[in-house]
Each structure stands twice: as structure tokens, then as C-alpha cells.
PDB file of N, CA and C in Angstrom:
ATOM      1  N   MET A   1     -23.034 -25.480 -50.637  1.00  0.00           N
ATOM      2  CA  MET A   1     -21.743 -25.114 -50.066  1.00  0.00           C
ATOM      3  C   MET A   1     -20.803 -24.707 -51.202  1.00  0.00           C
ATOM      4  N   THR A   2     -20.011 -23.741 -50.904  1.00  0.00           N
ATOM      5  CA  THR A   2     -19.060 -23.257 -51.900  1.00  0.00           C
ATOM      6  C   THR A   2     -17.710 -23.931 -51.706  1.00  0.00           C
ATOM      7  N   GLY A   3     -16.816 -23.626 -52.605  1.00  0.00           N
ATOM      8  CA  GLY A   3     -15.468 -24.180 -52.509  1.00  0.00           C
ATOM      9  C   GLY A   3     -14.744 -23.708 -51.263  1.00  0.00           C
ATOM     10  N   LEU A   4     -15.034 -22.490 -50.824  1.00  0.00           N
ATOM     11  CA  LEU A   4     -14.408 -21.957 -49.622  1.00  0.00           C
ATOM     12  C   LEU A   4     -14.859 -22.722 -48.378  1.00  0.00           C
ATOM     13  N   ASP A   5     -16.111 -23.147 -48.347  1.00  0.00           N
ATOM     14  CA  ASP A   5     -16.622 -23.951 -47.243  1.00  0.00           C
ATOM     15  C   ASP A   5     -15.904 -25.301 -47.174  1.00  0.00           C
ATOM     16  N   TYR A   6     -15.726 -25.918 -48.313  1.00  0.00           N
ATOM     17  CA  TYR A   6     -15.009 -27.196 -48.351  1.00  0.00           C
ATOM     18  C   TYR A   6     -13.548 -27.026 -47.933  1.00  0.00           C
ATOM     19  N   ALA A   7     -12.938 -25.926 -48.338  1.00  0.00           N
ATOM     20  CA  ALA A   7     -11.558 -25.660 -47.938  1.00  0.00           C
ATOM     21  C   ALA A   7     -11.464 -25.467 -46.427  1.00  0.00           C
ATOM     22  N   ALA A   8     -12.447 -24.783 -45.853  1.00  0.00           N
ATOM     23  CA  ALA A   8     -12.467 -24.563 -44.406  1.00  0.00           C
ATOM     24  C   ALA A   8     -12.654 -25.881 -43.663  1.00  0.00           C
ATOM     25  N   LEU A   9     -13.552 -26.735 -44.145  1.00  0.00           N
ATOM     26  CA  LEU A   9     -13.749 -28.045 -43.507  1.00  0.00           C
ATOM     27  C   LEU A   9     -12.500 -28.915 -43.639  1.00  0.00           C
ATOM     28  N   GLY A  10     -11.865 -28.847 -44.791  1.00  0.00           N
ATOM     29  CA  GLY A  10     -10.624 -29.601 -44.966  1.00  0.00           C
ATOM     30  C   GLY A  10      -9.531 -29.119 -44.020  1.00  0.00           C
ATOM     31  N   MET A  11      -9.448 -27.797 -43.836  1.00  0.00           N
ATOM     32  CA  MET A  11      -8.452 -27.252 -42.928  1.00  0.00           C
ATOM     33  C   MET A  11      -8.751 -27.652 -41.482  1.00  0.00           C
ATOM     34  N   LEU A  12     -10.018 -27.648 -41.092  1.00  0.00           N
ATOM     35  CA  LEU A  12     -10.394 -28.093 -39.751  1.00  0.00           C
ATOM     36  C   LEU A  12     -10.031 -29.562 -39.525  1.00  0.00           C
ATOM     37  N   ALA A  13     -10.292 -30.389 -40.517  1.00  0.00           N
ATOM     38  CA  ALA A  13      -9.941 -31.808 -40.399  1.00  0.00           C
ATOM     39  C   ALA A  13      -8.431 -31.985 -40.299  1.00  0.00           C
ATOM     40  N   PHE A  14      -7.690 -31.229 -41.101  1.00  0.00           N
ATOM     41  CA  PHE A  14      -6.236 -31.300 -41.052  1.00  0.00           C
ATOM     42  C   PHE A  14      -5.706 -30.868 -39.684  1.00  0.00           C
ATOM     43  N   MET A  15      -6.228 -29.785 -39.152  1.00  0.00           N
ATOM     44  CA  MET A  15      -5.774 -29.290 -37.851  1.00  0.00           C
ATOM     45  C   MET A  15      -6.128 -30.267 -36.730  1.00  0.00           C
ATOM     46  N   GLY A  16      -7.292 -30.912 -36.830  1.00  0.00           N
ATOM     47  CA  GLY A  16      -7.663 -31.921 -35.837  1.00  0.00           C
ATOM     48  C   GLY A  16      -6.734 -33.118 -35.873  1.00  0.00           C
ATOM     49  N   ALA A  17      -6.420 -33.575 -37.073  1.00  0.00           N
ATOM     50  CA  ALA A  17      -5.496 -34.713 -37.212  1.00  0.00           C
ATOM     51  C   ALA A  17      -4.100 -34.336 -36.728  1.00  0.00           C
ATOM     52  N   LEU A  18      -3.682 -33.121 -37.007  1.00  0.00           N
ATOM     53  CA  LEU A  18      -2.379 -32.654 -36.547  1.00  0.00           C
ATOM     54  C   LEU A  18      -2.332 -32.576 -35.023  1.00  0.00           C
ATOM     55  N   ALA A  19      -3.398 -32.099 -34.403  1.00  0.00           N
ATOM     56  CA  ALA A  19      -3.453 -32.018 -32.940  1.00  0.00           C
ATOM     57  C   ALA A  19      -3.382 -33.411 -32.315  1.00  0.00           C
ATOM     58  N   ILE A  20      -4.098 -34.367 -32.875  1.00  0.00           N
ATOM     59  CA  ILE A  20      -4.057 -35.738 -32.359  1.00  0.00           C
ATOM     60  C   ILE A  20      -2.658 -36.322 -32.532  1.00  0.00           C
ATOM     61  N   GLY A  21      -2.031 -36.068 -33.674  1.00  0.00           N
ATOM     62  CA  GLY A  21      -0.679 -36.562 -33.902  1.00  0.00           C
ATOM     63  C   GLY A  21       0.331 -35.985 -32.928  1.00  0.00           C
ATOM     64  N   VAL A  22       0.212 -34.709 -32.617  1.00  0.00           N
ATOM     65  CA  VAL A  22       1.126 -34.076 -31.658  1.00  0.00           C
ATOM     66  C   VAL A  22       0.916 -34.651 -30.267  1.00  0.00           C
ATOM     67  N   ILE A  23      -0.326 -34.873 -29.870  1.00  0.00           N
ATOM     68  CA  ILE A  23      -0.607 -35.444 -28.552  1.00  0.00           C
ATOM     69  C   ILE A  23      -0.050 -36.860 -28.453  1.00  0.00           C
ATOM     70  N   VAL A  24      -0.200 -37.662 -29.492  1.00  0.00           N
ATOM     71  CA  VAL A  24       0.337 -39.025 -29.487  1.00  0.00           C
ATOM     72  C   VAL A  24       1.861 -39.000 -29.437  1.00  0.00           C
ATOM     73  N   PHE A  25       2.477 -38.091 -30.183  1.00  0.00           N
ATOM     74  CA  PHE A  25       3.934 -37.988 -30.179  1.00  0.00           C
ATOM     75  C   PHE A  25       4.454 -37.598 -28.799  1.00  0.00           C
ATOM     76  N   ILE A  26       3.863 -36.580 -28.196  1.00  0.00           N
ATOM     77  CA  ILE A  26       4.327 -36.111 -26.889  1.00  0.00           C
ATOM     78  C   ILE A  26       4.036 -37.145 -25.804  1.00  0.00           C
ATOM     79  N   GLY A  27       2.886 -37.803 -25.852  1.00  0.00           N
ATOM     80  CA  GLY A  27       2.549 -38.802 -24.848  1.00  0.00           C
ATOM     81  C   GLY A  27       3.473 -40.011 -24.868  1.00  0.00           C
ATOM     82  N   GLY A  28       3.942 -40.387 -26.033  1.00  0.00           N
ATOM     83  CA  GLY A  28       4.819 -41.539 -26.143  1.00  0.00           C
ATOM     84  C   GLY A  28       6.296 -41.221 -26.023  1.00  0.00           C
ATOM     85  N   TRP A  29       6.639 -39.945 -25.958  1.00  0.00           N
ATOM     86  CA  TRP A  29       8.042 -39.524 -25.911  1.00  0.00           C
ATOM     87  C   TRP A  29       8.820 -40.146 -24.750  1.00  0.00           C
ATOM     88  N   PRO A  30       8.359 -40.068 -23.493  1.00  0.00           N
ATOM     89  CA  PRO A  30       9.136 -40.681 -22.410  1.00  0.00           C
ATOM     90  C   PRO A  30       9.305 -42.189 -22.573  1.00  0.00           C
ATOM     91  N   GLY A  31       8.282 -42.856 -23.061  1.00  0.00           N
ATOM     92  CA  GLY A  31       8.374 -44.300 -23.249  1.00  0.00           C
ATOM     93  C   GLY A  31       9.393 -44.678 -24.314  1.00  0.00           C
ATOM     94  N   ARG A  32       9.435 -43.912 -25.406  1.00  0.00           N
ATOM     95  CA  ARG A  32      10.418 -44.183 -26.457  1.00  0.00           C
ATOM     96  C   ARG A  32      11.836 -43.939 -25.956  1.00  0.00           C
ATOM     97  N   VAL A  33      12.021 -42.888 -25.167  1.00  0.00           N
ATOM     98  CA  VAL A  33      13.348 -42.586 -24.626  1.00  0.00           C
ATOM     99  C   VAL A  33      13.777 -43.679 -23.666  1.00  0.00           C
ATOM    100  N   ALA A  34      12.865 -44.105 -22.786  1.00  0.00           N
ATOM    101  CA  ALA A  34      13.192 -45.147 -21.816  1.00  0.00           C
ATOM    102  C   ALA A  34      13.528 -46.465 -22.504  1.00  0.00           C
ATOM    103  N   ALA A  35      12.814 -46.807 -23.551  1.00  0.00           N
ATOM    104  CA  ALA A  35      13.094 -48.044 -24.282  1.00  0.00           C
ATOM    105  C   ALA A  35      14.442 -47.960 -24.995  1.00  0.00           C
ATOM    106  N   LYS A  36      14.739 -46.805 -25.580  1.00  0.00           N
ATOM    107  CA  LYS A  36      16.000 -46.646 -26.294  1.00  0.00           C
ATOM    108  C   LYS A  36      17.190 -46.703 -25.342  1.00  0.00           C
ATOM    109  N   ARG A  37      17.027 -46.149 -24.146  1.00  0.00           N
ATOM    110  CA  ARG A  37      18.111 -46.116 -23.168  1.00  0.00           C
ATOM    111  C   ARG A  37      18.123 -47.352 -22.279  1.00  0.00           C
ATOM    112  N   ASN A  38      17.241 -48.331 -22.555  1.00  0.00           N
ATOM    113  CA  ASN A  38      17.152 -49.576 -21.801  1.00  0.00           C
ATOM    114  C   ASN A  38      16.941 -49.297 -20.311  1.00  0.00           C
ATOM    115  N   HIS A  39      15.990 -48.437 -20.020  1.00  0.00           N
ATOM    116  CA  HIS A  39      15.667 -48.038 -18.651  1.00  0.00           C
ATOM    117  C   HIS A  39      15.051 -49.218 -17.920  1.00  0.00           C
ATOM    118  N   PRO A  40      15.429 -49.459 -16.652  1.00  0.00           N
ATOM    119  CA  PRO A  40      14.859 -50.610 -15.939  1.00  0.00           C
ATOM    120  C   PRO A  40      13.369 -50.476 -15.655  1.00  0.00           C
ATOM    121  N   TYR A  41      12.847 -49.270 -15.623  1.00  0.00           N
ATOM    122  CA  TYR A  41      11.428 -49.041 -15.365  1.00  0.00           C
ATOM    123  C   TYR A  41      10.727 -48.480 -16.595  1.00  0.00           C
ATOM    124  N   ARG A  42      11.055 -49.023 -17.765  1.00  0.00           N
ATOM    125  CA  ARG A  42      10.530 -48.440 -19.006  1.00  0.00           C
ATOM    126  C   ARG A  42       9.014 -48.508 -19.104  1.00  0.00           C
ATOM    127  N   SER A  43       8.403 -49.547 -18.584  1.00  0.00           N
ATOM    128  CA  SER A  43       6.943 -49.619 -18.658  1.00  0.00           C
ATOM    129  C   SER A  43       6.295 -48.592 -17.729  1.00  0.00           C
ATOM    130  N   ALA A  44       6.884 -48.371 -16.561  1.00  0.00           N
ATOM    131  CA  ALA A  44       6.352 -47.349 -15.648  1.00  0.00           C
ATOM    132  C   ALA A  44       6.528 -45.950 -16.232  1.00  0.00           C
ATOM    133  N   VAL A  45       7.636 -45.714 -16.910  1.00  0.00           N
ATOM    134  CA  VAL A  45       7.863 -44.414 -17.542  1.00  0.00           C
ATOM    135  C   VAL A  45       6.854 -44.198 -18.667  1.00  0.00           C
ATOM    136  N   THR A  46       6.581 -45.237 -19.431  1.00  0.00           N
ATOM    137  CA  THR A  46       5.608 -45.136 -20.522  1.00  0.00           C
ATOM    138  C   THR A  46       4.216 -44.801 -19.987  1.00  0.00           C
ATOM    139  N   VAL A  47       3.785 -45.532 -18.979  1.00  0.00           N
ATOM    140  CA  VAL A  47       2.465 -45.280 -18.391  1.00  0.00           C
ATOM    141  C   VAL A  47       2.434 -43.903 -17.737  1.00  0.00           C
ATOM    142  N   GLY A  48       3.511 -43.540 -17.057  1.00  0.00           N
ATOM    143  CA  GLY A  48       3.568 -42.229 -16.418  1.00  0.00           C
ATOM    144  C   GLY A  48       3.488 -41.094 -17.415  1.00  0.00           C
ATOM    145  N   GLY A  49       4.109 -41.259 -18.577  1.00  0.00           N
ATOM    146  CA  GLY A  49       4.033 -40.228 -19.602  1.00  0.00           C
ATOM    147  C   GLY A  49       2.616 -40.003 -20.071  1.00  0.00           C
ATOM    148  N   TRP A  50       1.869 -41.083 -20.313  1.00  0.00           N
ATOM    149  CA  TRP A  50       0.493 -40.936 -20.784  1.00  0.00           C
ATOM    150  C   TRP A  50      -0.417 -40.402 -19.690  1.00  0.00           C
ATOM    151  N   ILE A  51      -0.276 -40.912 -18.465  1.00  0.00           N
ATOM    152  CA  ILE A  51      -1.168 -40.477 -17.385  1.00  0.00           C
ATOM    153  C   ILE A  51      -0.951 -39.013 -17.048  1.00  0.00           C
ATOM    154  N   THR A  52       0.305 -38.585 -16.959  1.00  0.00           N
ATOM    155  CA  THR A  52       0.544 -37.183 -16.625  1.00  0.00           C
ATOM    156  C   THR A  52       0.106 -36.253 -17.752  1.00  0.00           C
ATOM    157  N   LEU A  53       0.223 -36.697 -18.988  1.00  0.00           N
ATOM    158  CA  LEU A  53      -0.243 -35.871 -20.099  1.00  0.00           C
ATOM    159  C   LEU A  53      -1.761 -35.744 -20.084  1.00  0.00           C
ATOM    160  N   ILE A  54      -2.460 -36.850 -19.834  1.00  0.00           N
ATOM    161  CA  ILE A  54      -3.919 -36.832 -19.787  1.00  0.00           C
ATOM    162  C   ILE A  54      -4.411 -36.033 -18.582  1.00  0.00           C
ATOM    163  N   ALA A  55      -3.672 -36.096 -17.458  1.00  0.00           N
ATOM    164  CA  ALA A  55      -4.092 -35.417 -16.231  1.00  0.00           C
ATOM    165  C   ALA A  55      -3.732 -33.934 -16.224  1.00  0.00           C
ATOM    166  N   GLY A  56      -3.242 -33.408 -17.281  1.00  0.00           N
ATOM    167  CA  GLY A  56      -2.981 -31.979 -17.344  1.00  0.00           C
ATOM    168  C   GLY A  56      -1.537 -31.634 -17.613  1.00  0.00           C
ATOM    169  N   GLY A  57      -0.658 -32.580 -17.538  1.00  0.00           N
ATOM    170  CA  GLY A  57       0.735 -32.350 -17.897  1.00  0.00           C
ATOM    171  C   GLY A  57       1.582 -31.692 -16.833  1.00  0.00           C
ATOM    172  N   VAL A  58       1.086 -31.586 -15.614  1.00  0.00           N
ATOM    173  CA  VAL A  58       1.847 -30.894 -14.576  1.00  0.00           C
ATOM    174  C   VAL A  58       3.131 -31.648 -14.252  1.00  0.00           C
ATOM    175  N   PHE A  59       3.056 -32.956 -14.094  1.00  0.00           N
ATOM    176  CA  PHE A  59       4.223 -33.747 -13.742  1.00  0.00           C
ATOM    177  C   PHE A  59       4.901 -34.378 -14.948  1.00  0.00           C
ATOM    178  N   PHE A  60       4.477 -34.016 -16.151  1.00  0.00           N
ATOM    179  CA  PHE A  60       5.070 -34.573 -17.360  1.00  0.00           C
ATOM    180  C   PHE A  60       6.573 -34.303 -17.448  1.00  0.00           C
ATOM    181  N   PRO A  61       7.062 -33.106 -17.103  1.00  0.00           N
ATOM    182  CA  PRO A  61       8.517 -32.896 -17.141  1.00  0.00           C
ATOM    183  C   PRO A  61       9.283 -33.831 -16.203  1.00  0.00           C
ATOM    184  N   LEU A  62       8.703 -34.173 -15.062  1.00  0.00           N
ATOM    185  CA  LEU A  62       9.375 -35.096 -14.147  1.00  0.00           C
ATOM    186  C   LEU A  62       9.495 -36.498 -14.745  1.00  0.00           C
ATOM    187  N   VAL A  63       8.449 -36.937 -15.423  1.00  0.00           N
ATOM    188  CA  VAL A  63       8.499 -38.255 -16.075  1.00  0.00           C
ATOM    189  C   VAL A  63       9.520 -38.237 -17.209  1.00  0.00           C
ATOM    190  N   LEU A  64       9.608 -37.129 -17.919  1.00  0.00           N
ATOM    191  CA  LEU A  64      10.581 -37.021 -19.003  1.00  0.00           C
ATOM    192  C   LEU A  64      12.008 -37.025 -18.452  1.00  0.00           C
ATOM    193  N   ILE A  65      12.231 -36.337 -17.337  1.00  0.00           N
ATOM    194  CA  ILE A  65      13.549 -36.372 -16.687  1.00  0.00           C
ATOM    195  C   ILE A  65      13.854 -37.784 -16.212  1.00  0.00           C
ATOM    196  N   TRP A  66      12.854 -38.466 -15.672  1.00  0.00           N
ATOM    197  CA  TRP A  66      13.037 -39.842 -15.213  1.00  0.00           C
ATOM    198  C   TRP A  66      13.427 -40.749 -16.377  1.00  0.00           C
ATOM    199  N   ALA A  67      12.862 -40.503 -17.539  1.00  0.00           N
ATOM    200  CA  ALA A  67      13.192 -41.315 -18.714  1.00  0.00           C
ATOM    201  C   ALA A  67      14.646 -41.087 -19.136  1.00  0.00           C
ATOM    202  N   TYR A  68      15.123 -39.856 -19.026  1.00  0.00           N
ATOM    203  CA  TYR A  68      16.492 -39.542 -19.423  1.00  0.00           C
ATOM    204  C   TYR A  68      17.513 -39.819 -18.316  1.00  0.00           C
ATOM    205  N   ALA A  69      17.056 -40.081 -17.100  1.00  0.00           N
ATOM    206  CA  ALA A  69      17.966 -40.292 -15.975  1.00  0.00           C
ATOM    207  C   ALA A  69      18.820 -41.528 -16.212  1.00  0.00           C
ATOM    208  N   GLY A  70      20.010 -41.492 -15.661  1.00  0.00           N
ATOM    209  CA  GLY A  70      20.931 -42.609 -15.827  1.00  0.00           C
ATOM    210  C   GLY A  70      20.410 -43.878 -15.185  1.00  0.00           C
ATOM    211  N   THR A  71      20.754 -44.972 -15.777  1.00  0.00           N
ATOM    212  CA  THR A  71      20.347 -46.261 -15.242  1.00  0.00           C
ATOM    213  C   THR A  71      21.418 -46.762 -14.280  1.00  0.00           C
ATOM    214  N   PRO A  72      21.074 -47.670 -13.373  1.00  0.00           N
ATOM    215  CA  PRO A  72      22.061 -48.148 -12.406  1.00  0.00           C
ATOM    216  C   PRO A  72      23.269 -48.835 -13.045  1.00  0.00           C
ATOM    217  N   ASP A  73      23.098 -49.432 -14.224  1.00  0.00           N
ATOM    218  CA  ASP A  73      24.214 -50.118 -14.868  1.00  0.00           C
ATOM    219  C   ASP A  73      24.974 -49.215 -15.832  1.00  0.00           C
ATOM    220  N   ALA A  74      24.669 -47.922 -15.813  1.00  0.00           N
ATOM    221  CA  ALA A  74      25.371 -46.995 -16.701  1.00  0.00           C
ATOM    222  C   ALA A  74      26.793 -46.779 -16.199  1.00  0.00           C
ATOM    223  N   GLU A  75      27.715 -46.662 -17.145  1.00  0.00           N
ATOM    224  CA  GLU A  75      29.103 -46.454 -16.793  1.00  0.00           C
ATOM    225  C   GLU A  75      29.310 -44.981 -16.437  1.00  0.00           C
ATOM    226  N   ILE A  76      29.895 -44.745 -15.264  1.00  0.00           N
ATOM    227  CA  ILE A  76      30.110 -43.386 -14.793  1.00  0.00           C
ATOM    228  C   ILE A  76      31.618 -43.134 -14.744  1.00  0.00           C
ATOM    229  N   ASN A  77      32.050 -42.067 -15.395  1.00  0.00           N
ATOM    230  CA  ASN A  77      33.455 -41.708 -15.418  1.00  0.00           C
ATOM    231  C   ASN A  77      33.749 -40.756 -14.273  1.00  0.00           C
ATOM    232  N   THR A  78      34.502 -41.203 -13.278  1.00  0.00           N
ATOM    233  CA  THR A  78      34.805 -40.373 -12.115  1.00  0.00           C
ATOM    234  C   THR A  78      36.258 -39.922 -12.099  1.00  0.00           C
ATOM    235  N   SER A  79      36.989 -40.175 -13.169  1.00  0.00           N
ATOM    236  CA  SER A  79      38.407 -39.830 -13.175  1.00  0.00           C
ATOM    237  C   SER A  79      38.633 -38.343 -13.313  1.00  0.00           C
ATOM    238  N   GLU A  80      37.728 -37.602 -13.935  1.00  0.00           N
ATOM    239  CA  GLU A  80      37.807 -36.152 -14.135  1.00  0.00           C
ATOM    240  C   GLU A  80      39.134 -35.717 -14.729  1.00  0.00           C
ATOM    241  N   GLY A  81      39.559 -36.392 -15.757  1.00  0.00           N
ATOM    242  CA  GLY A  81      40.755 -35.990 -16.480  1.00  0.00           C
ATOM    243  C   GLY A  81      42.057 -36.530 -15.934  1.00  0.00           C
ATOM    244  N   SER A  82      42.025 -37.285 -14.861  1.00  0.00           N
ATOM    245  CA  SER A  82      43.255 -37.849 -14.303  1.00  0.00           C
ATOM    246  C   SER A  82      43.736 -39.002 -15.186  1.00  0.00           C
ATOM    247  N   ALA A  83      45.039 -39.107 -15.321  1.00  0.00           N
ATOM    248  CA  ALA A  83      45.584 -40.160 -16.168  1.00  0.00           C
ATOM    249  C   ALA A  83      45.902 -41.407 -15.427  1.00  0.00           C
TER     250      ALA A  83
END
């Protein structure tokens, strides 16, 4: 094998590790958001993020929206600028 072959194998290994890292980052994203925002269903959001990503990612945006959705104890400002 030449040096170019080793460089190609190294690049393939790097790209594989990068792909796995991106999948782990994206799969855990809703769970990290839910934990940071103290979501009441943070464990369900975490599991939903991984399952929807593994199942093809069709409902992944819905789980991500659910993670960012307001919690029932969140303070809501309804004054709309009134003093």
C-alpha cells in the first residue's frame, strides 16, 4: 500500500467518525433542550428524539418543537405593553 492508500483510509475513518458524531449530536438535541428548559416531559422528549431519528426523522421536527414548547409553569406576559 502506498501513502495515498493510507491517506484515503484515514479520510474514510475520519468521515465515519464525523458521521457518527453528527448523528449523536442531532439525536440528543431535543433531550438537551428539554433538560435545559426544565420540561416536565424531558425523558419522553429524549426518547422521542432518538426514536424519530432512528425511524427516518419524519417526526423529528415535531419532537424538537415539543422540546422548545413552553412549560405549564412558564411565566406568560399578557399585558402587551399596557402600564
